[in-house]
Protein backbone atom coordinates (compact mmCIF):
# COMPACT_ATOMS: atom_id res chain seq x y z
CA MET A 1 6.21 -1.64 3.54
CA THR A 2 5.43 -4.47 5.90
CA HIS A 3 3.06 -7.34 5.27
CA GLU A 4 -0.01 -7.35 7.49
CA ARG A 5 -3.09 -9.51 7.78
CA THR A 6 -6.27 -7.47 7.78
CA ALA A 7 -9.37 -8.29 9.73
CA GLN A 8 -12.35 -8.26 7.39
CA SER A 9 -15.99 -7.62 8.06
CA PRO A 10 -18.73 -9.38 6.11
CA LYS A 11 -19.49 -6.22 4.18
CA THR A 12 -15.96 -5.40 3.24
CA GLY A 13 -13.83 -8.48 3.54
CA GLY A 14 -12.64 -11.00 1.03
CA ARG A 15 -14.67 -11.45 -2.14
CA GLY A 16 -17.50 -9.29 -0.91
CA ARG A 17 -15.37 -6.18 -0.80
CA ARG A 18 -15.93 -3.65 -3.54
CA ALA A 19 -12.89 -2.94 -5.67
CA ALA A 20 -11.35 0.47 -5.17
CA GLY A 21 -11.88 2.78 -8.14
CA PRO A 22 -10.29 5.94 -9.52
CA LEU A 23 -11.91 8.14 -6.87
CA ALA A 24 -10.28 6.09 -4.10
CA LEU A 25 -6.93 6.32 -5.87
CA LEU A 26 -7.28 10.10 -6.17
CA GLY A 27 -8.13 10.27 -2.49
CA VAL A 28 -5.07 8.26 -1.46
CA VAL A 29 -2.79 10.45 -3.57
CA LEU A 30 -4.25 13.63 -2.06
CA LEU A 31 -3.79 12.18 1.41
CA ALA A 32 -0.12 11.43 0.67
CA LEU A 33 0.44 14.95 -0.71
CA ASN A 34 -0.31 16.33 2.75
CA LEU A 35 1.93 14.01 4.79
CA ARG A 36 5.00 16.27 4.68
CA ALA A 37 3.83 19.59 3.23
CA ALA A 38 2.91 21.26 6.53
CA ILE A 39 6.37 20.40 7.92
CA ALA A 40 8.38 21.33 4.83
CA GLY A 41 6.46 24.59 4.45
CA LEU A 42 7.70 25.85 7.80
CA ALA A 43 11.41 25.48 7.05
CA PRO A 44 11.78 28.36 4.52
CA LEU A 45 9.89 30.61 6.94
CA LEU A 46 12.02 29.94 10.03
CA PRO A 47 14.02 33.18 9.67
CA ASP A 48 10.77 35.16 9.56
CA VAL A 49 9.30 33.20 12.48
CA ARG A 50 12.46 33.72 14.55
CA ALA A 51 12.51 37.45 13.83
CA ASP A 52 8.81 37.84 14.66
CA LEU A 53 8.81 35.79 17.86
CA GLY A 54 12.41 36.37 18.97
CA LEU A 55 13.35 32.67 18.95
CA SER A 56 16.78 31.13 19.34
CA SER A 57 18.01 28.62 16.77
CA GLY A 58 17.42 25.77 19.22
CA THR A 59 13.80 26.78 19.84
CA ALA A 60 13.20 27.19 16.12
CA GLY A 61 14.67 23.74 15.53
CA LEU A 62 12.23 22.34 18.09
CA LEU A 63 9.32 23.47 15.91
CA THR A 64 10.48 21.21 13.08
CA THR A 65 11.41 18.41 15.50
CA LEU A 66 7.98 18.17 17.14
CA PRO A 67 6.19 16.49 14.19
CA VAL A 68 9.00 13.92 13.85
CA LEU A 69 8.80 13.23 17.57
CA CYS A 70 5.09 12.59 17.07
CA PHE A 71 5.97 10.04 14.38
CA GLY A 72 8.10 8.09 16.84
CA LEU A 73 5.79 8.31 19.87
CA LEU A 74 2.28 8.23 18.42
CA SER A 75 2.46 5.57 15.70
CA PRO A 76 1.05 2.75 17.90
CA PHE A 77 -1.85 4.99 18.94
CA ALA A 78 -2.52 5.86 15.30
CA ALA A 79 -2.94 2.16 14.56
CA LEU A 80 -5.31 1.78 17.52
CA LEU A 81 -7.35 4.71 16.23
CA GLY A 82 -7.69 2.97 12.87
CA ARG A 83 -8.93 -0.19 14.56
CA ARG A 84 -11.38 1.68 16.74
CA ILE A 85 -13.12 3.90 14.18
CA GLY A 86 -12.00 2.35 10.87
CA ILE A 87 -9.08 3.25 8.65
CA GLU A 88 -11.13 5.47 6.35
CA ALA A 89 -12.58 7.54 9.20
CA ALA A 90 -9.17 7.79 10.88
CA LEU A 91 -7.59 9.11 7.68
CA LEU A 92 -10.34 11.72 7.38
CA LEU A 93 -9.63 12.71 10.98
CA ALA A 94 -5.91 12.94 10.13
CA MET A 95 -6.57 15.49 7.38
CA LEU A 96 -8.91 17.48 9.62
CA GLY A 97 -6.20 17.42 12.31
CA ILE A 98 -3.69 18.96 9.89
CA VAL A 99 -6.19 21.70 9.03
CA ALA A 100 -7.02 22.33 12.69
CA GLY A 101 -3.35 22.43 13.68
CA SER A 102 -2.60 24.85 10.86
CA LEU A 103 -5.34 27.14 12.15
CA VAL A 104 -4.07 26.96 15.73
CA ARG A 105 -0.51 27.85 14.80
CA THR A 106 -1.61 31.11 13.18
CA ALA A 107 -2.68 32.47 16.60
CA PRO A 108 -0.32 35.04 18.17
CA GLY A 109 2.36 33.69 20.49
CA LEU A 110 4.91 30.89 20.58
CA TRP A 111 2.83 28.39 22.52
CA TRP A 112 -0.01 28.48 20.01
CA LEU A 113 2.56 27.79 17.31
CA VAL A 114 3.92 24.86 19.34
CA ALA A 115 0.45 23.46 20.08
CA GLY A 116 -0.62 23.72 16.45
CA THR A 117 2.57 22.04 15.29
CA VAL A 118 1.91 19.10 17.65
CA VAL A 119 -1.64 18.74 16.28
CA VAL A 120 -0.28 18.82 12.72
CA GLY A 121 2.31 16.18 13.67
CA ALA A 122 -0.35 13.95 15.20
CA GLY A 123 -2.48 14.17 12.06
CA ILE A 124 0.47 13.34 9.84
CA THR A 125 1.39 10.40 12.09
CA VAL A 126 -2.05 8.86 11.55
CA GLY A 127 -1.58 9.23 7.80
CA ASN A 128 1.93 7.76 7.93
CA VAL A 129 0.67 4.62 9.64
CA LEU A 130 -2.63 4.09 7.83
CA VAL A 131 -1.96 5.11 4.21
CA PRO A 132 0.16 1.96 3.67
CA SER A 133 -2.67 -0.08 5.23
CA ILE A 134 -5.28 1.39 2.90
CA VAL A 135 -3.02 0.79 -0.09
CA LYS A 136 -2.55 -2.85 0.90
CA GLN A 137 -6.26 -3.40 1.47
CA ASP A 138 -7.81 -1.50 -1.42
CA PHE A 139 -5.09 -1.85 -4.06
CA SER A 140 -3.63 -5.28 -3.33
CA ASP A 141 -3.58 -6.17 -7.05
CA ARG A 142 -1.48 -3.08 -7.85
CA GLN A 143 0.19 -2.45 -4.52
CA GLY A 144 3.62 -1.71 -5.98
CA PRO A 145 2.57 1.00 -8.45
CA VAL A 146 0.24 2.66 -5.95
CA THR A 147 2.94 2.63 -3.27
CA ALA A 148 5.34 4.27 -5.72
CA LEU A 149 2.64 6.85 -6.54
CA THR A 150 1.97 7.69 -2.89
CA THR A 151 5.70 7.93 -2.18
CA ALA A 152 6.07 10.34 -5.09
CA ALA A 153 3.07 12.35 -3.87
CA LEU A 154 4.45 12.57 -0.33
CA THR A 155 7.81 13.86 -1.53
CA GLY A 156 6.23 16.09 -4.16
CA GLY A 157 3.96 17.70 -1.58
CA ALA A 158 6.99 18.56 0.54
CA ALA A 159 8.77 20.01 -2.51
CA LEU A 160 5.77 22.13 -3.49
CA ALA A 161 5.31 23.47 0.03
CA ALA A 162 9.00 24.35 0.34
CA ALA A 163 8.89 26.21 -2.97
CA VAL A 164 5.81 28.36 -2.37
CA THR A 165 5.70 29.33 1.30
CA ALA A 166 8.44 31.98 1.24
CA PRO A 167 7.09 33.73 -1.89
CA LEU A 168 3.55 33.61 -0.47
CA ALA A 169 4.73 35.10 2.81
CA HIS A 170 6.56 37.92 1.06
CA ILE A 171 3.69 38.93 -1.25
CA GLY A 172 1.54 39.93 1.68
CA LEU A 173 0.27 36.78 3.40
CA GLY A 174 2.97 36.78 6.07
CA TRP A 175 4.38 33.59 7.50
CA ARG A 176 1.14 32.75 9.31
CA GLY A 177 -0.96 33.13 6.18
CA ALA A 178 1.46 31.05 4.11
CA LEU A 179 1.42 28.22 6.67
CA LEU A 180 -2.36 28.32 6.84
CA LEU A 181 -2.69 28.11 3.06
CA VAL A 182 -0.35 25.12 2.81
CA GLY A 183 -1.91 23.30 5.77
CA GLY A 184 -5.40 24.16 4.58
CA LEU A 185 -4.86 22.07 1.44
CA ALA A 186 -5.52 19.05 3.64
CA ALA A 187 -9.16 20.16 3.58
CA VAL A 188 -9.22 19.36 -0.15
CA ALA A 189 -7.94 15.86 0.61
CA ALA A 190 -10.58 15.48 3.33
CA ILE A 191 -13.38 16.40 0.92
CA ALA A 192 -12.05 14.02 -1.74
CA TRP A 193 -11.80 11.27 0.87
CA LEU A 194 -15.36 11.60 2.21
CA PRO A 195 -16.89 9.03 -0.22
CA GLN A 196 -14.52 6.38 1.14
CA LEU A 197 -16.26 6.42 4.53
CA ARG A 198 -18.74 3.99 3.00
CA ARG A 199 -15.88 1.47 2.73
CA ARG A 200 -15.04 0.78 6.38
CA HIS A 201 -12.10 -1.54 7.08
CA VAL A 202 -10.40 -2.57 10.29
CA ALA A 203 -6.76 -1.60 10.62
CA PRO A 204 -4.08 -4.21 11.27
CA VAL A 205 -2.51 -4.37 14.70
CA VAL A 206 0.85 -2.63 14.89
CA ARG A 207 2.98 -3.60 17.87
CA LEU A 208 6.56 -3.09 18.76
CA GLY A 209 9.05 -5.84 18.06
CA GLY A 210 8.97 -9.12 19.96
CA ALA A 211 11.86 -10.50 21.94
CA ALA A 212 13.44 -12.31 18.99
CA VAL A 213 13.46 -9.14 16.89
CA LEU A 214 14.87 -7.08 19.75
CA ARG A 215 17.70 -9.58 20.27
CA SER A 216 18.79 -9.51 16.63
CA PRO A 217 21.74 -7.25 15.77
CA VAL A 218 20.14 -6.72 12.35
CA THR A 219 17.29 -4.84 14.03
CA TRP A 220 19.63 -2.34 15.64
CA GLN A 221 21.75 -1.96 12.52
CA LEU A 222 18.60 -1.14 10.57
CA ALA A 223 17.51 1.23 13.35
CA GLY A 224 20.91 2.94 13.19
CA PHE A 225 20.72 3.32 9.44
CA MET A 226 17.17 4.67 9.45
CA GLY A 227 17.82 6.84 12.51
CA MET A 228 20.87 8.58 11.04
CA GLN A 229 19.12 8.93 7.68
CA SER A 230 16.12 10.55 9.40
CA LEU A 231 18.31 12.76 11.61
CA THR A 232 20.22 14.10 8.61
CA TYR A 233 17.13 14.51 6.43
CA TYR A 234 15.07 16.43 8.99
CA ALA A 235 18.03 18.59 9.98
CA ILE A 236 18.56 19.67 6.37
CA LEU A 237 14.81 20.02 5.82
CA ALA A 238 14.65 22.40 8.78
CA TRP A 239 17.81 24.43 8.32
CA LEU A 240 18.86 24.45 4.66
CA PRO A 241 16.96 27.68 3.84
CA THR A 242 18.39 29.47 6.89
CA LEU A 243 21.91 28.24 6.11
CA LEU A 244 21.62 29.50 2.55
CA ARG A 245 20.14 32.86 3.55
CA ASP A 246 23.02 33.35 5.97
CA ALA A 247 25.32 32.69 2.98
CA GLY A 248 23.65 35.50 1.00
CA VAL A 249 21.07 33.54 -0.99
CA SER A 250 17.66 35.20 -1.40
CA ALA A 251 14.64 33.86 0.49
CA ALA A 252 13.06 32.67 -2.77
CA GLY A 253 16.32 31.03 -3.88
CA ALA A 254 16.67 29.23 -0.56
CA GLY A 255 13.09 28.02 -0.83
CA TRP A 256 13.67 26.70 -4.33
CA ALA A 257 16.82 24.89 -3.14
CA LEU A 258 14.73 23.16 -0.48
CA ALA A 259 12.12 22.31 -3.10
CA LEU A 260 14.84 20.79 -5.27
CA PHE A 261 16.11 18.83 -2.26
CA ASN A 262 12.64 17.32 -1.79
CA LEU A 263 11.70 16.96 -5.44
CA LEU A 264 14.76 14.98 -6.49
CA GLY A 265 14.07 12.50 -3.72
CA ILE A 266 10.94 11.32 -5.52
CA ALA A 267 12.81 9.39 -8.20
CA THR A 268 15.39 7.83 -5.91
CA ALA A 269 12.81 6.92 -3.24
CA VAL A 270 11.02 4.87 -5.89
CA ALA A 271 14.18 3.50 -7.54
CA ALA A 272 16.11 2.43 -4.42
CA PRO A 273 13.69 -0.33 -3.33
CA ALA A 274 13.66 -1.76 -6.85
CA LEU A 275 17.46 -1.83 -6.95
CA ALA A 276 17.65 -3.35 -3.47
CA ALA A 277 15.21 -6.12 -4.35
CA ARG A 278 17.37 -7.24 -7.27
CA ARG A 279 20.36 -8.15 -5.13
CA ARG A 280 20.97 -10.25 -2.05
CA ASP A 281 23.56 -7.89 -0.56
CA GLN A 282 22.74 -4.17 -0.31
CA ARG A 283 25.94 -2.92 1.35
CA GLY A 284 27.24 -1.26 -1.80
CA LEU A 285 23.96 0.55 -2.35
CA GLY A 286 23.92 1.72 1.27
CA LEU A 287 27.47 3.03 1.07
CA LEU A 288 26.65 4.85 -2.17
CA VAL A 289 23.77 6.61 -0.42
CA CYS A 290 26.05 7.63 2.46
CA ALA A 291 28.82 8.83 0.13
CA THR A 292 26.34 11.02 -1.77
CA TRP A 293 25.09 12.49 1.50
CA GLY A 294 28.67 13.17 2.59
CA VAL A 295 29.69 14.95 -0.61
CA GLY A 296 26.61 17.17 -0.49
CA LEU A 297 27.14 18.14 3.16
CA LEU A 298 30.84 18.86 2.67
CA GLY A 299 29.95 20.93 -0.40
CA LEU A 300 27.61 23.10 1.67
CA LEU A 301 30.45 23.57 4.14
CA VAL A 302 33.26 24.52 1.75
CA ALA A 303 31.45 25.98 -1.29
CA PRO A 304 27.94 27.21 -0.39
CA ALA A 305 27.80 29.31 -3.58
CA LEU A 306 27.24 26.03 -5.47
CA TYR A 307 24.17 25.38 -3.34
CA LEU A 308 22.04 24.07 -6.22
CA LEU A 309 24.57 21.29 -6.85
CA TRP A 310 24.65 20.33 -3.15
CA ALA A 311 20.85 20.49 -2.93
CA THR A 312 20.74 18.11 -5.89
CA LEU A 313 23.14 15.60 -4.32
CA THR A 314 21.55 15.65 -0.88
CA GLY A 315 18.09 15.42 -2.45
CA LEU A 316 19.07 12.30 -4.38
CA ALA A 317 20.65 10.85 -1.23
CA GLN A 318 17.68 11.46 1.07
CA GLY A 319 15.18 9.83 -1.30
CA ALA A 320 17.41 6.80 -1.82
CA GLY A 321 18.11 6.57 1.90
CA ILE A 322 14.50 6.38 3.04
CA GLY A 323 13.58 4.12 0.11
CA LEU A 324 16.40 1.71 0.96
CA ALA A 325 15.56 1.75 4.68
CA LEU A 326 11.93 0.81 4.04
CA ALA A 327 12.92 -1.86 1.53
CA LEU A 328 15.35 -3.46 3.99
CA LEU A 329 12.58 -3.81 6.56
CA VAL A 330 10.92 -6.30 4.21
CA ILE A 331 14.07 -7.92 2.78
CA ARG A 332 15.62 -8.62 6.18
CA ALA A 333 12.42 -10.10 7.66
CA ARG A 334 11.95 -13.88 7.39
CA THR A 335 8.15 -13.87 7.73
CA PRO A 336 5.30 -11.35 7.48
CA GLU A 337 5.04 -11.43 11.29
CA SER A 338 8.72 -10.61 11.76
CA ALA A 339 8.38 -7.90 9.12
CA ARG A 340 5.64 -6.30 11.18
CA ASP A 341 7.67 -6.49 14.40
CA LEU A 342 10.84 -5.29 12.70
CA SER A 343 9.05 -2.35 11.10
CA GLY A 344 7.46 -1.27 14.37
CA THR A 345 10.74 -1.29 16.25
CA VAL A 346 12.96 0.23 13.55
CA GLN A 347 10.57 3.01 12.57
CA SER A 348 9.89 4.04 16.16
CA VAL A 349 13.59 4.16 17.01
CA GLY A 350 14.45 5.75 13.66
CA TYR A 351 11.99 8.59 13.96
CA LEU A 352 12.89 9.24 17.59
CA LEU A 353 16.54 9.57 16.56
CA GLY A 354 15.49 11.68 13.58
CA SER A 355 13.63 14.09 15.84
CA THR A 356 16.92 15.15 17.45
CA GLY A 357 18.40 16.41 14.17
CA PRO A 358 16.83 19.89 13.88
CA VAL A 359 17.35 20.66 17.58
CA LEU A 360 20.96 19.43 17.53
CA VAL A 361 21.80 21.58 14.51
CA GLY A 362 20.04 24.60 16.01
CA LEU A 363 21.88 24.28 19.32
CA LEU A 364 25.26 23.84 17.63
CA HIS A 365 24.55 26.92 15.51
CA ASP A 366 23.65 28.92 18.61
CA VAL A 367 26.84 27.87 20.37
CA SER A 368 29.24 28.33 17.44
CA ASP A 369 27.42 31.17 15.66
CA ASP A 370 28.21 29.63 12.26
CA TRP A 371 27.38 26.52 10.24
CA THR A 372 30.69 24.66 10.46
CA ALA A 373 29.96 22.69 13.64
CA PRO A 374 26.41 21.68 12.57
CA LEU A 375 27.58 20.44 9.16
CA VAL A 376 30.51 18.55 10.68
CA ALA A 377 28.08 16.92 13.13
CA LEU A 378 25.88 15.81 10.23
CA CYS A 379 28.93 14.35 8.49
CA VAL A 380 29.58 12.32 11.65
CA ALA A 381 25.97 11.11 11.53
CA VAL A 382 26.49 10.02 7.91
CA THR A 383 29.62 8.11 8.99
CA VAL A 384 27.54 6.25 11.60
CA MET A 385 24.95 5.61 8.90
CA ALA A 386 27.61 4.04 6.68
CA ALA A 387 28.77 1.76 9.52
CA ALA A 388 25.16 0.68 10.10
CA ALA A 389 24.71 0.07 6.35
CA LEU A 390 27.59 -2.42 6.39
CA GLY A 391 25.61 -4.52 8.87
CA ALA A 392 22.07 -3.89 7.67
CA GLY A 393 23.00 -4.51 4.03
CA ARG A 394 24.49 -7.97 4.59
CA ASP A 395 22.54 -10.96 3.27
CA ARG A 396 20.96 -12.25 6.48
CA GLN A 397 17.52 -12.14 8.03
CA VAL A 398 15.95 -11.58 11.41
């Protein structure tokens, strides 16, 4: 998380600001629960969506790429929205956007599904940008524990959605009904968040990195690490259930494997920043993350019957990878201002690279008609990640 200065109004700033209570904490946790669920819930249903709409693997991969592309392209606009209408109102709008997008993508036809997915991605982008801001402003005295709680909620929401959508679809709701139910849970978060509209704050400015940050090799090493981590994570998030079903695993079993993949990331996403902060050089930790990713991916390639073991390893790796990437944004920055610039640049580049993962895997699967080429490509991405970790993990600052 980056350090930002927050503009304060007389009613809310400084000593005059009311302390955030349990209701605000509940609201923040419910917001975080919805920041991956609507994406993760689609992945176990991709085989059903493809069969219903007659989609190729590449087109199906695009559906899971679109929200990630929104993360990379819309983050600056999400920050501007927070400044214009207030962070609390913008977060309410984010939850309503997820609900609205979930409704739109239940309409018949591919383009309604695409349009709804973009709206869902835009809503999640606003939450991605502004939840850390609200944590910093309203929970500054317990920022660490609340950040860990929201990280756990984000990952847990993805795990829950991955676990329940396939069973819900197959008990009569269909894939559209299952997606609507998961996305509609954002309405609960919106209702819980309504009381916070009385606590209006102005969001910090988020801008892309300045010239000094852009000239630093550390910036691009961090961008490479986060980009390859995101590419691999979103590719597995999108295609693991389909890969397993092609290997003979039941739809429910594939969904539970994806839930395990997401659930195990909670612990390592919280633990990795703590481990990184205790040492000056994080290269060993970065290489450990990459090695765990590599073993899990190779396991899926050569022994898919042991899919629960590989889901466990890749789940631990993905949580540690994103936790380490976010921690390095702070550790490698010399000042709060450079932390802000570094975060803006690295996260934009990282998510844009990450958005290519599901489409790349889908296209390779279409071309090769099996999962060997996609998994080998992801192993190459992990190798690039390891090379970037050797630079990003060295004890030096931007």
